[in-house]
Every structure is written in C-alpha cells, then in structure tokens.
C-alpha cells in the first residue's frame, strides 16, 4: 500500500518552459538516436549521449561507445522493477531506451535521464547549454559508472561550464533521496569499480537535487546482469533500491 500511495503522485511531465527559449527541431545523423515516438505520458528510461557517435560504432558494452555501456539491458530490466513497485505509474516496458543529445529539445519531455562514463565527455557549447537548461527546468540526472581522478576532472570541467554557480556536495544516508521509497540504511556498498563508492549531489537554489552522482560506483551494471543467476542477489537488490529511490525522488521533486 505504501508503494501505491507514493506512486500515485508520480506523473511524468514535460519540464517547465524556459522563458524566451525558442525550441527547434534537432536532427540526428544516426537513426538509433533520438525519440522514436512521444512516450512522455509514461515513465520512459532515457539516456544522454555525451560524446560523438562515430560511423560504425556500436551501442552497448565494450568495445562499444563508453557512454552506452549496459545498453539496452540495464534500462529494460530496471523499467520492469519500477513498474512492479509502482502500479499506478505507467512504465514503458521491453523497449530500448531513447538516447538523446543535450541539444535535443525532446529531452525536456523526460524528467529522469541516465548518463555514464562521464570521463569520456565531449560536449559542444550547444550541448553544455542544453545540460544547464535541462537541470534548471526541473530535470534530474543519474550520473553513473565512472571513477578515478582523471574521469572526475573531466566531468567537473563540463559541470562547471554548465552550472558555474553550483557545486557538488557529498550526500549522506539521511538525505531524502535515500528515504523516499526504500529506507537505505548504509551507503557502504560494493561496486565493480575500484575505489570506495561515493554518493554526490548537485542542488538548485531551492535545495532540489538536480543530479545524483555515483562515483566509483556502477548501479546499472547490477541492473544489466540481474538475470544472471551467478550474481549475488543482495548486491542486485541494493542496486535496484538505489535506482527506484532516484526515480521516485526525481518524479516528486
């Protein structure tokens, strides 16, 4: 009953309009990218393309583009979990995630977006502006699957360009994002990546969390391989709990 009560407040909607912003059609050179049809009346797991997709490149795990790792299985598996836990929320199931550029105005229809391997970011000026607009208009980013100082430095460079007036800050287990559906009791989690996982956030001027940053962590890898019987079930469940909380926070704030 708790799941039903909370989920009834989850209504995906386009982000608030930016004053004076004229939206224009965005053209992708690769048919795999962009919105296939408008699914913004439901929860649709979407990903952000953070570097060029060169001709002949594949989407998915290595040797594919780093920013596409865990595609499409992680999004498909995760969407099923969200649907099971929030029956009143309509969720798009068994469908590859949309992959958007930050420069595509259609991204604004989807309030929750995923991006990974941000150590490989290569954003144009237009994409940097789109990242800023998406977050300040009410969008939420899950930033996952990266680690080490070099990768963090690359991410911080683009973050500072997009949001010069905001800073990342460490999150502790008392933050509402860790208590809005599941009560997460510890941030001491296992990760496929080296180093101790850290949870960081970026808040807007109203203290709304615009992004959660999983540093030295990779929750989507657990989602991707959750149908593998050899994976520890507790680690998989923990990764899903974090993801579900991220979605519920994003759709209610």
C-alpha atoms as a PDB file:
ATOM      1  CA  UNK A   1       0.000   0.000   0.000  1.00  0.00           C
ATOM      2  CA  UNK A   2       2.908   2.359   0.617  1.00  0.00           C
ATOM      3  CA  UNK A   3       4.071   1.820  -2.956  1.00  0.00           C
ATOM      4  CA  UNK A   4       0.622   2.642  -4.303  1.00  0.00           C
ATOM      5  CA  UNK A   5       0.257   5.767  -2.216  1.00  0.00           C
ATOM      6  CA  UNK A   6       3.597   7.175  -3.228  1.00  0.00           C
ATOM      7  CA  UNK A   7       3.307   6.172  -6.868  1.00  0.00           C
ATOM      8  CA  UNK A   8       0.002   7.967  -7.281  1.00  0.00           C
ATOM      9  CA  UNK A   9       1.958  11.233  -7.087  1.00  0.00           C
ATOM     10  CA  UNK A  10       4.315  10.206  -9.850  1.00  0.00           C
ATOM     11  CA  UNK A  11       3.122  11.894 -13.014  1.00  0.00           C
ATOM     12  CA  UNK A  12       5.744  12.224 -15.764  1.00  0.00           C
ATOM     13  CA  UNK A  13       5.501  15.641 -17.371  1.00  0.00           C
ATOM     14  CA  UNK A  14       7.452  17.899 -19.653  1.00  0.00           C
ATOM     15  CA  UNK A  15       9.815  20.204 -17.837  1.00  0.00           C
ATOM     16  CA  UNK A  16       8.893  23.808 -17.143  1.00  0.00           C
ATOM     17  CA  UNK A  17       9.254  26.147 -20.081  1.00  0.00           C
ATOM     18  CA  UNK A  18      12.278  28.375 -20.287  1.00  0.00           C
ATOM     19  CA  UNK A  19      11.322  31.998 -20.857  1.00  0.00           C
ATOM     20  CA  UNK A  20      12.358  33.327 -24.217  1.00  0.00           C
ATOM     21  CA  UNK A  21      13.633  29.952 -25.429  1.00  0.00           C
ATOM     22  CA  UNK A  22      12.628  29.048 -28.976  1.00  0.00           C
ATOM     23  CA  UNK A  23      12.764  25.282 -29.382  1.00  0.00           C
ATOM     24  CA  UNK A  24      13.769  23.952 -32.787  1.00  0.00           C
ATOM     25  CA  UNK A  25      13.825  20.508 -34.333  1.00  0.00           C
ATOM     26  CA  UNK A  26      17.024  18.554 -33.759  1.00  0.00           C
ATOM     27  CA  UNK A  27      18.450  16.253 -36.402  1.00  0.00           C
ATOM     28  CA  UNK A  28      20.434  13.101 -35.632  1.00  0.00           C
ATOM     29  CA  UNK A  29      22.727  11.578 -38.218  1.00  0.00           C
ATOM     30  CA  UNK A  30      22.243   8.109 -36.693  1.00  0.00           C
ATOM     31  CA  UNK A  31      18.795   6.514 -36.714  1.00  0.00           C
ATOM     32  CA  UNK A  32      19.441   4.810 -33.371  1.00  0.00           C
ATOM     33  CA  UNK A  33      19.391   8.139 -31.567  1.00  0.00           C
ATOM     34  CA  UNK A  34      16.558  10.410 -30.516  1.00  0.00           C
ATOM     35  CA  UNK A  35      12.876   9.977 -29.742  1.00  0.00           C
ATOM     36  CA  UNK A  36      11.101   7.327 -31.830  1.00  0.00           C
ATOM     37  CA  UNK A  37       7.652   8.488 -30.737  1.00  0.00           C
ATOM     38  CA  UNK A  38       6.322  10.645 -27.929  1.00  0.00           C
ATOM     39  CA  UNK A  39       6.151   8.470 -24.787  1.00  0.00           C
ATOM     40  CA  UNK A  40       6.316  11.305 -22.287  1.00  0.00           C
ATOM     41  CA  UNK A  41       2.912  10.427 -20.806  1.00  0.00           C
ATOM     42  CA  UNK A  42       4.616   7.389 -19.252  1.00  0.00           C
ATOM     43  CA  UNK A  43       7.855   6.750 -17.402  1.00  0.00           C
ATOM     44  CA  UNK A  44      10.453   6.114 -20.069  1.00  0.00           C
ATOM     45  CA  UNK A  45      14.058   5.345 -19.191  1.00  0.00           C
ATOM     46  CA  UNK A  46      16.254   7.588 -21.351  1.00  0.00           C
ATOM     47  CA  UNK A  47      19.994   8.027 -21.739  1.00  0.00           C
ATOM     48  CA  UNK A  48      22.118  11.037 -22.681  1.00  0.00           C
ATOM     49  CA  UNK A  49      24.733  10.807 -25.407  1.00  0.00           C
ATOM     50  CA  UNK A  50      27.758  12.646 -24.000  1.00  0.00           C
ATOM     51  CA  UNK A  51      30.272  12.148 -26.814  1.00  0.00           C
ATOM     52  CA  UNK A  52      30.093  11.733 -30.599  1.00  0.00           C
ATOM     53  CA  UNK A  53      28.790   8.506 -32.111  1.00  0.00           C
ATOM     54  CA  UNK A  54      31.118   7.819 -34.984  1.00  0.00           C
ATOM     55  CA  UNK A  55      30.092   5.858 -38.113  1.00  0.00           C
ATOM     56  CA  UNK A  56      30.342   2.139 -37.475  1.00  0.00           C
ATOM     57  CA  UNK A  57      30.328   2.497 -33.686  1.00  0.00           C
ATOM     58  CA  UNK A  58      28.128   0.174 -31.662  1.00  0.00           C
ATOM     59  CA  UNK A  59      25.945   0.789 -28.620  1.00  0.00           C
ATOM     60  CA  UNK A  60      26.422  -1.401 -25.561  1.00  0.00           C
ATOM     61  CA  UNK A  61      29.350  -2.817 -23.618  1.00  0.00           C
ATOM     62  CA  UNK A  62      32.980  -2.610 -24.742  1.00  0.00           C
ATOM     63  CA  UNK A  63      34.167  -2.276 -27.467  1.00  0.00           C
ATOM     64  CA  UNK A  64      31.146  -0.002 -27.982  1.00  0.00           C
ATOM     65  CA  UNK A  65      30.975   3.687 -27.063  1.00  0.00           C
ATOM     66  CA  UNK A  66      31.773   4.054 -23.322  1.00  0.00           C
ATOM     67  CA  UNK A  67      28.737   6.290 -22.693  1.00  0.00           C
ATOM     68  CA  UNK A  68      26.483   3.474 -23.983  1.00  0.00           C
ATOM     69  CA  UNK A  69      27.672   0.783 -21.560  1.00  0.00           C
ATOM     70  CA  UNK A  70      24.949  -1.547 -20.213  1.00  0.00           C
ATOM     71  CA  UNK A  71      22.632  -0.583 -23.100  1.00  0.00           C
ATOM     72  CA  UNK A  72      19.939  -1.744 -23.565  1.00  0.00           C
ATOM     73  CA  UNK A  73      19.549  -4.473 -20.937  1.00  0.00           C
ATOM     74  CA  UNK A  74      20.036  -2.266 -17.864  1.00  0.00           C
ATOM     75  CA  UNK A  75      17.236   0.119 -18.823  1.00  0.00           C
ATOM     76  CA  UNK A  76      14.875  -2.701 -19.801  1.00  0.00           C
ATOM     77  CA  UNK A  77      15.422  -4.629 -16.568  1.00  0.00           C
ATOM     78  CA  UNK A  78      15.212  -1.518 -14.391  1.00  0.00           C
ATOM     79  CA  UNK A  79      11.968  -0.359 -16.019  1.00  0.00           C
ATOM     80  CA  UNK A  80      10.351  -3.689 -15.099  1.00  0.00           C
ATOM     81  CA  UNK A  81      11.304  -3.208 -11.446  1.00  0.00           C
ATOM     82  CA  UNK A  82       9.895   0.336 -11.418  1.00  0.00           C
ATOM     83  CA  UNK A  83       6.672  -0.946 -12.956  1.00  0.00           C
ATOM     84  CA  UNK A  84       6.313  -3.740 -10.394  1.00  0.00           C
ATOM     85  CA  UNK A  85       6.774  -1.363  -7.471  1.00  0.00           C
ATOM     86  CA  UNK A  86       4.529   1.448  -8.693  1.00  0.00           C
ATOM     87  CA  UNK A  87       1.468   0.003 -10.383  1.00  0.00           C
ATOM     88  CA  UNK A  88      -0.353   3.357 -10.878  1.00  0.00           C
ATOM     89  CA  UNK A  89       2.680   4.705 -12.764  1.00  0.00           C
ATOM     90  CA  UNK A  90       2.585   3.688 -16.408  1.00  0.00           C
ATOM     91  CA  UNK A  91       6.032   2.482 -17.435  1.00  0.00           C
ATOM     92  CA  UNK A  92       7.305   1.760 -20.922  1.00  0.00           C
ATOM     93  CA  UNK A  93       8.412  -1.886 -20.879  1.00  0.00           C
ATOM     94  CA  UNK A  94      10.525  -4.116 -23.127  1.00  0.00           C
ATOM     95  CA  UNK A  95      11.689  -1.183 -25.211  1.00  0.00           C
ATOM     96  CA  UNK A  96      15.232   0.070 -25.784  1.00  0.00           C
ATOM     97  CA  UNK A  97      15.863   3.386 -24.062  1.00  0.00           C
ATOM     98  CA  UNK A  98      15.818   6.581 -26.091  1.00  0.00           C
ATOM     99  CA  UNK A  99      19.272   8.144 -26.458  1.00  0.00           C
ATOM    100  CA  UNK A 100      19.219  11.949 -26.542  1.00  0.00           C
ATOM    101  CA  UNK A 101      21.711  14.713 -27.110  1.00  0.00           C
ATOM    102  CA  UNK A 102      21.526  17.505 -24.558  1.00  0.00           C
ATOM    103  CA  UNK A 103      20.919  19.768 -27.573  1.00  0.00           C
ATOM    104  CA  UNK A 104      17.670  17.957 -28.464  1.00  0.00           C
ATOM    105  CA  UNK A 105      14.603  19.798 -27.077  1.00  0.00           C
ATOM    106  CA  UNK A 106      12.727  16.474 -26.914  1.00  0.00           C
ATOM    107  CA  UNK A 107      14.862  15.522 -23.911  1.00  0.00           C
ATOM    108  CA  UNK A 108      12.828  18.099 -21.966  1.00  0.00           C
ATOM    109  CA  UNK A 109       9.810  15.787 -22.138  1.00  0.00           C
ATOM    110  CA  UNK A 110      11.508  13.211 -19.922  1.00  0.00           C
ATOM    111  CA  UNK A 111      12.245  14.316 -16.322  1.00  0.00           C
ATOM    112  CA  UNK A 112      14.662  11.485 -15.490  1.00  0.00           C
ATOM    113  CA  UNK A 113      17.742  10.726 -17.583  1.00  0.00           C
ATOM    114  CA  UNK A 114      20.786   8.495 -17.234  1.00  0.00           C
ATOM    115  CA  UNK A 115      24.385   9.130 -18.257  1.00  0.00           C
ATOM    116  CA  UNK A 116      27.546   7.141 -17.643  1.00  0.00           C
ATOM    117  CA  UNK A 117      31.304   7.073 -18.235  1.00  0.00           C
ATOM    118  CA  UNK A 118      31.491  10.851 -17.906  1.00  0.00           C
ATOM    119  CA  UNK A 119      35.276  10.698 -18.025  1.00  0.00           C
ATOM    120  CA  UNK A 120      34.771  10.483 -21.799  1.00  0.00           C
ATOM    121  CA  UNK A 121      32.527  13.551 -22.108  1.00  0.00           C
ATOM    122  CA  UNK A 122      32.912  15.677 -25.244  1.00  0.00           C
ATOM    123  CA  UNK A 123      30.102  18.230 -25.247  1.00  0.00           C
ATOM    124  CA  UNK A 124      29.659  21.075 -27.709  1.00  0.00           C
ATOM    125  CA  UNK A 125      28.711  24.553 -26.496  1.00  0.00           C
ATOM    126  CA  UNK A 126      25.113  23.832 -27.537  1.00  0.00           C
ATOM    127  CA  UNK A 127      25.095  20.594 -25.532  1.00  0.00           C
ATOM    128  CA  UNK A 128      26.570  22.307 -22.462  1.00  0.00           C
ATOM    129  CA  UNK A 129      23.773  24.879 -22.656  1.00  0.00           C
ATOM    130  CA  UNK A 130      21.239  22.073 -23.061  1.00  0.00           C
ATOM    131  CA  UNK A 131      22.578  20.324 -19.972  1.00  0.00           C
ATOM    132  CA  UNK A 132      22.155  23.507 -17.962  1.00  0.00           C
ATOM    133  CA  UNK A 133      18.653  24.095 -19.276  1.00  0.00           C
ATOM    134  CA  UNK A 134      17.543  20.510 -18.634  1.00  0.00           C
ATOM    135  CA  UNK A 135      18.611  20.638 -14.993  1.00  0.00           C
ATOM    136  CA  UNK A 136      17.331  24.129 -14.201  1.00  0.00           C
ATOM    137  CA  UNK A 137      13.961  23.423 -15.831  1.00  0.00           C
ATOM    138  CA  UNK A 138      13.375  20.528 -13.434  1.00  0.00           C
ATOM    139  CA  UNK A 139      15.205  17.598 -14.997  1.00  0.00           C
ATOM    140  CA  UNK A 140      17.093  15.011 -12.966  1.00  0.00           C
ATOM    141  CA  UNK A 141      20.285  13.223 -14.000  1.00  0.00           C
ATOM    142  CA  UNK A 142      21.589   9.920 -12.691  1.00  0.00           C
ATOM    143  CA  UNK A 143      25.343  10.017 -13.354  1.00  0.00           C
ATOM    144  CA  UNK A 144      26.815   6.556 -13.021  1.00  0.00           C
ATOM    145  CA  UNK A 145      29.682   4.223 -13.862  1.00  0.00           C
ATOM    146  CA  UNK A 146      32.842   6.304 -13.579  1.00  0.00           C
ATOM    147  CA  UNK A 147      35.756   6.583 -11.200  1.00  0.00           C
ATOM    148  CA  UNK A 148      39.247   7.883 -10.629  1.00  0.00           C
ATOM    149  CA  UNK A 149      40.545  11.443 -10.518  1.00  0.00           C
ATOM    150  CA  UNK A 150      41.059  11.813 -14.279  1.00  0.00           C
ATOM    151  CA  UNK A 151      37.455  10.910 -15.045  1.00  0.00           C
ATOM    152  CA  UNK A 152      36.194  13.128 -12.234  1.00  0.00           C
ATOM    153  CA  UNK A 153      38.252  16.056 -13.540  1.00  0.00           C
ATOM    154  CA  UNK A 154      36.688  15.708 -16.991  1.00  0.00           C
ATOM    155  CA  UNK A 155      33.207  15.647 -15.506  1.00  0.00           C
ATOM    156  CA  UNK A 156      33.922  18.644 -13.276  1.00  0.00           C
ATOM    157  CA  UNK A 157      35.155  20.634 -16.291  1.00  0.00           C
ATOM    158  CA  UNK A 158      31.816  20.255 -18.088  1.00  0.00           C
ATOM    159  CA  UNK A 159      29.801  20.639 -14.901  1.00  0.00           C
ATOM    160  CA  UNK A 160      31.499  23.966 -14.176  1.00  0.00           C
ATOM    161  CA  UNK A 161      30.771  25.150 -17.701  1.00  0.00           C
ATOM    162  CA  UNK A 162      27.098  24.163 -17.462  1.00  0.00           C
ATOM    163  CA  UNK A 163      26.436  25.205 -13.853  1.00  0.00           C
ATOM    164  CA  UNK A 164      29.168  27.598 -12.731  1.00  0.00           C
ATOM    165  CA  UNK A 165      27.136  28.796  -9.747  1.00  0.00           C
ATOM    166  CA  UNK A 166      26.561  25.311  -8.285  1.00  0.00           C
ATOM    167  CA  UNK A 167      28.849  22.806  -6.586  1.00  0.00           C
ATOM    168  CA  UNK A 168      28.789  19.082  -5.991  1.00  0.00           C
ATOM    169  CA  UNK A 169      28.421  18.043  -2.390  1.00  0.00           C
ATOM    170  CA  UNK A 170      28.664  14.697  -0.613  1.00  0.00           C
ATOM    171  CA  UNK A 171      25.356  13.070   0.287  1.00  0.00           C
ATOM    172  CA  UNK A 172      24.839  11.086   3.464  1.00  0.00           C
ATOM    173  CA  UNK A 173      22.272   8.444   4.214  1.00  0.00           C
ATOM    174  CA  UNK A 174      19.913  10.950   5.853  1.00  0.00           C
ATOM    175  CA  UNK A 175      19.204  12.731   2.547  1.00  0.00           C
ATOM    176  CA  UNK A 176      15.573  12.361   1.373  1.00  0.00           C
ATOM    177  CA  UNK A 177      16.693  10.656  -1.837  1.00  0.00           C
ATOM    178  CA  UNK A 178      17.757   7.655   0.219  1.00  0.00           C
ATOM    179  CA  UNK A 179      14.475   7.552   2.130  1.00  0.00           C
ATOM    180  CA  UNK A 180      11.730   8.472  -0.351  1.00  0.00           C
ATOM    181  CA  UNK A 181      10.637   4.884  -1.082  1.00  0.00           C
ATOM    182  CA  UNK A 182      13.059   2.351   0.318  1.00  0.00           C
ATOM    183  CA  UNK A 183      14.873   3.255   3.513  1.00  0.00           C
ATOM    184  CA  UNK A 184      18.510   2.804   2.598  1.00  0.00           C
ATOM    185  CA  UNK A 185      20.446   2.266   5.793  1.00  0.00           C
ATOM    186  CA  UNK A 186      24.015   2.362   4.523  1.00  0.00           C
ATOM    187  CA  UNK A 187      25.969   3.887   1.630  1.00  0.00           C
ATOM    188  CA  UNK A 188      28.754   1.389   2.179  1.00  0.00           C
ATOM    189  CA  UNK A 189      28.085  -0.676  -0.921  1.00  0.00           C
ATOM    190  CA  UNK A 190      30.043  -2.998  -3.155  1.00  0.00           C
ATOM    191  CA  UNK A 191      30.983  -1.903  -6.654  1.00  0.00           C
ATOM    192  CA  UNK A 192      32.521  -3.402  -9.750  1.00  0.00           C
ATOM    193  CA  UNK A 193      34.769  -0.342  -9.886  1.00  0.00           C
ATOM    194  CA  UNK A 194      37.934   0.282  -7.940  1.00  0.00           C
ATOM    195  CA  UNK A 195      37.879   2.705  -5.033  1.00  0.00           C
ATOM    196  CA  UNK A 196      35.289   3.382  -2.368  1.00  0.00           C
ATOM    197  CA  UNK A 197      31.890   4.292  -3.812  1.00  0.00           C
ATOM    198  CA  UNK A 198      30.782   7.848  -3.071  1.00  0.00           C
ATOM    199  CA  UNK A 199      27.392   9.491  -3.494  1.00  0.00           C
ATOM    200  CA  UNK A 200      27.453  13.142  -4.531  1.00  0.00           C
ATOM    201  CA  UNK A 201      24.711  15.577  -5.456  1.00  0.00           C
ATOM    202  CA  UNK A 202      24.024  18.934  -7.096  1.00  0.00           C
ATOM    203  CA  UNK A 203      21.221  21.043  -5.636  1.00  0.00           C
ATOM    204  CA  UNK A 204      19.485  24.030  -7.196  1.00  0.00           C
ATOM    205  CA  UNK A 205      18.759  27.252  -5.310  1.00  0.00           C
ATOM    206  CA  UNK A 206      15.625  25.673  -3.801  1.00  0.00           C
ATOM    207  CA  UNK A 207      17.611  22.687  -2.470  1.00  0.00           C
ATOM    208  CA  UNK A 208      16.097  20.357  -5.049  1.00  0.00           C
ATOM    209  CA  UNK A 209      18.577  17.688  -6.015  1.00  0.00           C
ATOM    210  CA  UNK A 210      19.147  18.059  -9.769  1.00  0.00           C
ATOM    211  CA  UNK A 211      21.586  15.169 -10.090  1.00  0.00           C
ATOM    212  CA  UNK A 212      22.940  12.271  -8.108  1.00  0.00           C
ATOM    213  CA  UNK A 213      26.476  11.184  -8.920  1.00  0.00           C
ATOM    214  CA  UNK A 214      27.557   7.602  -8.306  1.00  0.00           C
ATOM    215  CA  UNK A 215      31.333   7.984  -8.130  1.00  0.00           C
ATOM    216  CA  UNK A 216      33.461   4.820  -8.098  1.00  0.00           C
ATOM    217  CA  UNK A 217      30.161   3.039  -8.499  1.00  0.00           C
ATOM    218  CA  UNK A 218      28.049   1.389 -11.191  1.00  0.00           C
ATOM    219  CA  UNK A 219      24.480   0.545 -10.213  1.00  0.00           C
ATOM    220  CA  UNK A 220      23.400  -0.042 -13.808  1.00  0.00           C
ATOM    221  CA  UNK A 221      25.865  -2.912 -14.168  1.00  0.00           C
ATOM    222  CA  UNK A 222      23.919  -4.774 -11.478  1.00  0.00           C
ATOM    223  CA  UNK A 223      20.683  -3.968 -13.332  1.00  0.00           C
ATOM    224  CA  UNK A 224      22.113  -5.262 -16.589  1.00  0.00           C
ATOM    225  CA  UNK A 225      23.199  -8.592 -15.139  1.00  0.00           C
ATOM    226  CA  UNK A 226      20.326  -9.065 -12.705  1.00  0.00           C
ATOM    227  CA  UNK A 227      19.050 -12.011 -14.746  1.00  0.00           C
ATOM    228  CA  UNK A 228      22.371 -13.818 -14.235  1.00  0.00           C
ATOM    229  CA  UNK A 229      21.934 -16.458 -11.536  1.00  0.00           C
ATOM    230  CA  UNK A 230      25.591 -16.186 -10.524  1.00  0.00           C
ATOM    231  CA  UNK A 231      25.315 -12.560  -9.363  1.00  0.00           C
ATOM    232  CA  UNK A 232      24.867 -12.031  -5.591  1.00  0.00           C
ATOM    233  CA  UNK A 233      21.160 -11.332  -5.127  1.00  0.00           C
ATOM    234  CA  UNK A 234      21.716  -8.891  -2.261  1.00  0.00           C
ATOM    235  CA  UNK A 235      24.000  -6.670  -4.351  1.00  0.00           C
ATOM    236  CA  UNK A 236      21.479  -6.697  -7.191  1.00  0.00           C
ATOM    237  CA  UNK A 237      18.605  -5.821  -4.867  1.00  0.00           C
ATOM    238  CA  UNK A 238      20.603  -2.989  -3.339  1.00  0.00           C
ATOM    239  CA  UNK A 239      21.334  -1.505  -6.769  1.00  0.00           C
ATOM    240  CA  UNK A 240      17.650  -1.624  -7.659  1.00  0.00           C
ATOM    241  CA  UNK A 241      16.716   0.076  -4.385  1.00  0.00           C
ATOM    242  CA  UNK A 242      19.023   2.987  -5.153  1.00  0.00           C
ATOM    243  CA  UNK A 243      17.622   3.289  -8.663  1.00  0.00           C
ATOM    244  CA  UNK A 244      13.993   3.181  -7.551  1.00  0.00           C
ATOM    245  CA  UNK A 245      14.643   5.864  -4.957  1.00  0.00           C
ATOM    246  CA  UNK A 246      16.316   8.044  -7.588  1.00  0.00           C
ATOM    247  CA  UNK A 247      13.266   7.778  -9.847  1.00  0.00           C
ATOM    248  CA  UNK A 248      10.736   8.430  -7.093  1.00  0.00           C
ATOM    249  CA  UNK A 249      12.699  11.458  -5.899  1.00  0.00           C
ATOM    250  CA  UNK A 250      13.006  12.819  -9.448  1.00  0.00           C
ATOM    251  CA  UNK A 251       9.292  12.477 -10.167  1.00  0.00           C
ATOM    252  CA  UNK A 252       8.140  14.009  -6.888  1.00  0.00           C
ATOM    253  CA  UNK A 253      10.531  16.966  -6.650  1.00  0.00           C
END
